[in-house]
């Protein structure tokens, strides 16, 4: 199992410190990132938690998935690899004319 976990259905008021306390029940937490909107800075309702070992990640999924946290039932699963985003606009016309 991957060490990085996806955490969905987060309360918009949840902080990274709140998640660290919750996931520490399953083991040592390496990092936490709550994804925020780039314009408003508000939480988008999901984030990622990286655990120290695969065993701790599995334990976190079994303990926390479906658990109610800040009045929301959390969704915890193994994070999928991030897709590469294209940085070019292929349909743009040549502006160097």
N, C-alpha and C. Protein backbone atom coordinates (compact mmCIF):
# COMPACT_ATOMS: atom_id res chain seq x y z
N UNK A 1 0.84 -1.19 0.00
CA UNK A 1 0.00 0.00 0.00
C UNK A 1 0.88 1.24 0.00
N UNK A 2 0.41 2.25 -0.70
CA UNK A 2 1.07 3.55 -0.75
C UNK A 2 1.05 4.20 0.64
N UNK A 3 2.03 5.01 0.93
CA UNK A 3 2.08 5.70 2.21
C UNK A 3 1.19 6.94 2.22
N UNK A 4 0.82 7.42 1.03
CA UNK A 4 0.01 8.64 0.92
C UNK A 4 -1.46 8.28 0.82
N UNK A 5 -2.27 8.94 1.65
CA UNK A 5 -3.70 8.66 1.71
C UNK A 5 -4.51 9.87 1.27
N UNK A 6 -5.59 9.61 0.58
CA UNK A 6 -6.56 10.63 0.22
C UNK A 6 -7.58 10.71 1.34
N UNK A 7 -7.93 11.92 1.76
CA UNK A 7 -8.94 12.12 2.79
C UNK A 7 -10.01 13.03 2.20
N UNK A 8 -11.20 12.51 2.02
CA UNK A 8 -12.29 13.27 1.41
C UNK A 8 -13.41 13.54 2.39
N UNK A 9 -14.32 14.42 1.96
CA UNK A 9 -15.48 14.85 2.74
C UNK A 9 -15.07 15.55 4.03
N UNK A 10 -13.98 16.32 3.95
CA UNK A 10 -13.50 17.08 5.11
C UNK A 10 -14.40 18.28 5.38
N UNK A 11 -14.57 18.59 6.63
CA UNK A 11 -15.25 19.82 7.02
C UNK A 11 -14.39 20.99 6.55
N UNK A 12 -15.04 22.05 6.08
CA UNK A 12 -14.29 23.22 5.62
C UNK A 12 -13.55 23.91 6.76
N UNK A 13 -13.94 23.63 7.99
CA UNK A 13 -13.28 24.22 9.15
C UNK A 13 -12.13 23.38 9.70
N UNK A 14 -11.89 22.23 9.12
CA UNK A 14 -10.82 21.34 9.61
C UNK A 14 -9.45 21.92 9.27
N UNK A 15 -8.53 21.81 10.22
CA UNK A 15 -7.17 22.29 10.01
C UNK A 15 -6.22 21.10 9.86
N UNK A 16 -5.01 21.40 9.39
CA UNK A 16 -4.01 20.34 9.27
C UNK A 16 -3.66 19.77 10.64
N UNK A 17 -3.69 20.61 11.66
CA UNK A 17 -3.41 20.15 13.04
C UNK A 17 -4.51 19.19 13.51
N UNK A 18 -5.77 19.48 13.16
CA UNK A 18 -6.88 18.58 13.51
C UNK A 18 -6.68 17.20 12.88
N UNK A 19 -6.27 17.20 11.61
CA UNK A 19 -6.04 15.92 10.93
C UNK A 19 -4.85 15.18 11.52
N UNK A 20 -3.83 15.91 11.89
CA UNK A 20 -2.65 15.27 12.48
C UNK A 20 -3.02 14.54 13.77
N UNK A 21 -3.84 15.19 14.61
CA UNK A 21 -4.29 14.55 15.85
C UNK A 21 -5.09 13.28 15.55
N UNK A 22 -5.97 13.36 14.56
CA UNK A 22 -6.81 12.22 14.21
C UNK A 22 -5.98 11.06 13.67
N UNK A 23 -5.10 11.33 12.72
CA UNK A 23 -4.33 10.26 12.07
C UNK A 23 -3.20 9.74 12.96
N UNK A 24 -2.81 10.47 13.98
CA UNK A 24 -1.78 10.00 14.90
C UNK A 24 -2.24 8.77 15.68
N UNK A 25 -3.54 8.56 15.75
CA UNK A 25 -4.08 7.36 16.40
C UNK A 25 -3.62 6.09 15.67
N UNK A 26 -3.35 6.21 14.36
CA UNK A 26 -2.96 5.05 13.56
C UNK A 26 -1.44 4.91 13.44
N UNK A 27 -0.69 5.94 13.80
CA UNK A 27 0.76 5.87 13.68
C UNK A 27 1.37 7.24 13.43
N UNK A 28 2.64 7.23 13.05
CA UNK A 28 3.38 8.47 12.84
C UNK A 28 2.98 9.11 11.50
N UNK A 29 2.64 10.39 11.57
CA UNK A 29 2.24 11.14 10.39
C UNK A 29 3.46 11.89 9.85
N UNK A 30 3.76 11.70 8.56
CA UNK A 30 4.90 12.39 7.93
C UNK A 30 4.52 13.79 7.47
N UNK A 31 3.38 13.90 6.76
CA UNK A 31 2.96 15.22 6.26
C UNK A 31 1.45 15.24 6.06
N UNK A 32 0.92 16.46 6.05
CA UNK A 32 -0.51 16.67 5.83
C UNK A 32 -0.67 17.87 4.92
N UNK A 33 -1.58 17.75 3.95
CA UNK A 33 -1.86 18.86 3.05
C UNK A 33 -3.35 18.90 2.78
N UNK A 34 -4.00 19.98 3.22
CA UNK A 34 -5.40 20.21 2.89
C UNK A 34 -5.40 21.09 1.64
N UNK A 35 -6.10 20.65 0.61
CA UNK A 35 -6.13 21.37 -0.66
C UNK A 35 -7.08 22.56 -0.53
N UNK A 36 -6.58 23.74 -0.95
CA UNK A 36 -7.37 24.96 -0.86
C UNK A 36 -7.60 25.57 -2.23
N UNK A 37 -8.65 26.34 -2.35
CA UNK A 37 -8.95 27.06 -3.58
C UNK A 37 -7.92 28.17 -3.77
N UNK A 38 -7.37 28.29 -4.96
CA UNK A 38 -6.30 29.26 -5.19
C UNK A 38 -6.79 30.70 -5.15
N UNK A 39 -8.07 30.93 -5.39
CA UNK A 39 -8.60 32.30 -5.38
C UNK A 39 -9.08 32.72 -4.00
N UNK A 40 -9.88 31.88 -3.36
CA UNK A 40 -10.47 32.27 -2.08
C UNK A 40 -9.64 31.83 -0.88
N UNK A 41 -8.78 30.82 -1.06
CA UNK A 41 -8.00 30.29 0.05
C UNK A 41 -8.80 29.34 0.94
N UNK A 42 -10.04 29.10 0.60
CA UNK A 42 -10.91 28.22 1.38
C UNK A 42 -10.63 26.76 1.04
N UNK A 43 -10.79 25.90 2.03
CA UNK A 43 -10.59 24.46 1.83
C UNK A 43 -11.53 23.95 0.74
N UNK A 44 -11.04 23.00 -0.06
CA UNK A 44 -11.87 22.38 -1.09
C UNK A 44 -12.54 21.10 -0.57
N UNK A 45 -12.33 20.77 0.71
CA UNK A 45 -13.01 19.63 1.31
C UNK A 45 -12.28 18.31 1.19
N UNK A 46 -11.01 18.35 0.77
CA UNK A 46 -10.23 17.12 0.73
C UNK A 46 -8.76 17.45 0.95
N UNK A 47 -7.99 16.41 1.23
CA UNK A 47 -6.57 16.60 1.47
C UNK A 47 -5.83 15.28 1.39
N UNK A 48 -4.56 15.33 1.78
CA UNK A 48 -3.71 14.15 1.72
C UNK A 48 -2.91 14.04 3.01
N UNK A 49 -2.76 12.81 3.48
CA UNK A 49 -1.97 12.51 4.68
C UNK A 49 -0.95 11.46 4.29
N UNK A 50 0.30 11.69 4.65
CA UNK A 50 1.36 10.72 4.37
C UNK A 50 1.78 10.10 5.69
N UNK A 51 1.70 8.78 5.75
CA UNK A 51 2.06 8.04 6.95
C UNK A 51 3.49 7.52 6.83
N UNK A 52 4.07 7.09 7.96
CA UNK A 52 5.47 6.64 7.99
C UNK A 52 5.70 5.28 7.35
N UNK A 53 4.70 4.41 7.42
CA UNK A 53 4.88 3.07 6.85
C UNK A 53 3.58 2.60 6.21
N UNK A 54 3.69 1.59 5.39
CA UNK A 54 2.52 1.03 4.72
C UNK A 54 1.56 0.41 5.73
N UNK A 55 2.12 -0.18 6.79
CA UNK A 55 1.27 -0.79 7.82
C UNK A 55 0.44 0.27 8.53
N UNK A 56 1.06 1.42 8.81
CA UNK A 56 0.33 2.51 9.47
C UNK A 56 -0.71 3.10 8.54
N UNK A 57 -0.41 3.16 7.25
CA UNK A 57 -1.37 3.66 6.27
C UNK A 57 -2.59 2.74 6.21
N UNK A 58 -2.36 1.43 6.18
CA UNK A 58 -3.46 0.47 6.18
C UNK A 58 -4.30 0.59 7.45
N UNK A 59 -3.63 0.76 8.58
CA UNK A 59 -4.33 0.91 9.86
C UNK A 59 -5.18 2.18 9.85
N UNK A 60 -4.64 3.26 9.30
CA UNK A 60 -5.38 4.52 9.23
C UNK A 60 -6.64 4.36 8.39
N UNK A 61 -6.53 3.69 7.26
CA UNK A 61 -7.70 3.47 6.40
C UNK A 61 -8.76 2.68 7.16
N UNK A 62 -8.35 1.60 7.82
CA UNK A 62 -9.32 0.76 8.52
C UNK A 62 -9.94 1.47 9.73
N UNK A 63 -9.16 2.31 10.41
CA UNK A 63 -9.68 3.01 11.60
C UNK A 63 -10.53 4.23 11.26
N UNK A 64 -10.13 5.00 10.24
CA UNK A 64 -10.71 6.32 10.04
C UNK A 64 -11.73 6.38 8.90
N UNK A 65 -11.62 5.51 7.90
CA UNK A 65 -12.58 5.55 6.79
C UNK A 65 -13.99 5.34 7.32
N UNK A 66 -14.88 6.29 7.02
CA UNK A 66 -16.27 6.22 7.48
C UNK A 66 -16.50 6.83 8.85
N UNK A 67 -15.42 7.18 9.56
CA UNK A 67 -15.54 7.76 10.89
C UNK A 67 -16.07 9.19 10.79
N UNK A 68 -16.96 9.57 11.70
CA UNK A 68 -17.48 10.93 11.73
C UNK A 68 -16.47 11.84 12.40
N UNK A 69 -16.11 12.90 11.69
CA UNK A 69 -15.13 13.87 12.17
C UNK A 69 -15.65 15.26 11.82
N UNK A 70 -15.89 16.08 12.82
CA UNK A 70 -16.45 17.42 12.64
C UNK A 70 -17.77 17.35 11.86
N UNK A 71 -18.63 16.43 12.25
CA UNK A 71 -19.96 16.22 11.68
C UNK A 71 -19.97 15.75 10.23
N UNK A 72 -18.85 15.19 9.75
CA UNK A 72 -18.79 14.67 8.38
C UNK A 72 -18.19 13.27 8.42
N UNK A 73 -18.74 12.36 7.62
CA UNK A 73 -18.20 11.00 7.52
C UNK A 73 -17.02 11.03 6.55
N UNK A 74 -15.81 10.79 7.06
CA UNK A 74 -14.60 10.89 6.24
C UNK A 74 -14.48 9.73 5.27
N UNK A 75 -13.88 10.02 4.13
CA UNK A 75 -13.54 9.00 3.14
C UNK A 75 -12.01 8.94 3.11
N UNK A 76 -11.45 7.79 3.45
CA UNK A 76 -10.00 7.63 3.47
C UNK A 76 -9.64 6.44 2.60
N UNK A 77 -8.74 6.68 1.65
CA UNK A 77 -8.30 5.62 0.76
C UNK A 77 -6.88 5.91 0.30
N UNK A 78 -6.30 4.94 -0.36
CA UNK A 78 -4.96 5.12 -0.91
C UNK A 78 -5.02 6.19 -2.00
N UNK A 79 -4.08 7.13 -1.96
CA UNK A 79 -4.05 8.19 -2.96
C UNK A 79 -3.60 7.64 -4.30
N UNK A 80 -4.23 8.09 -5.36
CA UNK A 80 -3.81 7.72 -6.72
C UNK A 80 -2.69 8.65 -7.15
N UNK A 81 -1.84 8.20 -8.07
CA UNK A 81 -0.78 9.08 -8.57
C UNK A 81 -1.36 10.32 -9.24
N UNK A 82 -0.69 11.45 -9.04
CA UNK A 82 -1.15 12.70 -9.61
C UNK A 82 -0.97 12.69 -11.13
N UNK A 83 -1.98 13.13 -11.85
CA UNK A 83 -1.89 13.20 -13.30
C UNK A 83 -1.09 14.43 -13.69
N UNK A 84 -0.33 14.30 -14.77
CA UNK A 84 0.42 15.44 -15.26
C UNK A 84 -0.54 16.39 -15.95
N UNK A 85 -0.35 17.67 -15.67
CA UNK A 85 -1.19 18.69 -16.29
C UNK A 85 -0.44 19.32 -17.44
N UNK A 86 -1.14 19.52 -18.53
CA UNK A 86 -0.54 20.15 -19.69
C UNK A 86 -0.37 21.64 -19.47
N UNK A 87 0.77 22.18 -19.83
CA UNK A 87 1.02 23.59 -19.64
C UNK A 87 0.89 24.38 -20.92
N UNK A 88 0.65 23.71 -22.02
CA UNK A 88 0.57 24.39 -23.30
C UNK A 88 -0.86 24.43 -23.80
N UNK A 89 -1.15 25.47 -24.56
CA UNK A 89 -2.43 25.56 -25.25
C UNK A 89 -2.17 25.23 -26.71
N UNK A 90 -2.61 24.08 -27.14
CA UNK A 90 -2.29 23.63 -28.49
C UNK A 90 -3.11 24.35 -29.56
N UNK A 91 -4.26 24.87 -29.19
CA UNK A 91 -5.10 25.51 -30.18
C UNK A 91 -4.81 27.01 -30.32
N UNK A 92 -3.85 27.50 -29.63
CA UNK A 92 -3.52 28.92 -29.74
C UNK A 92 -2.84 29.18 -31.06
N UNK A 93 -3.15 30.31 -31.62
CA UNK A 93 -2.51 30.65 -32.89
C UNK A 93 -1.12 31.24 -32.59
N UNK A 94 -0.30 31.24 -33.57
CA UNK A 94 1.06 31.75 -33.43
C UNK A 94 1.03 33.27 -33.29
N UNK A 95 1.43 33.77 -32.15
CA UNK A 95 1.38 35.22 -31.89
C UNK A 95 2.69 35.92 -32.21
N UNK A 96 3.64 35.21 -32.77
CA UNK A 96 4.94 35.81 -33.06
C UNK A 96 4.97 36.47 -34.43
N UNK A 97 3.84 36.54 -35.10
CA UNK A 97 3.79 37.14 -36.44
C UNK A 97 3.85 38.64 -36.38
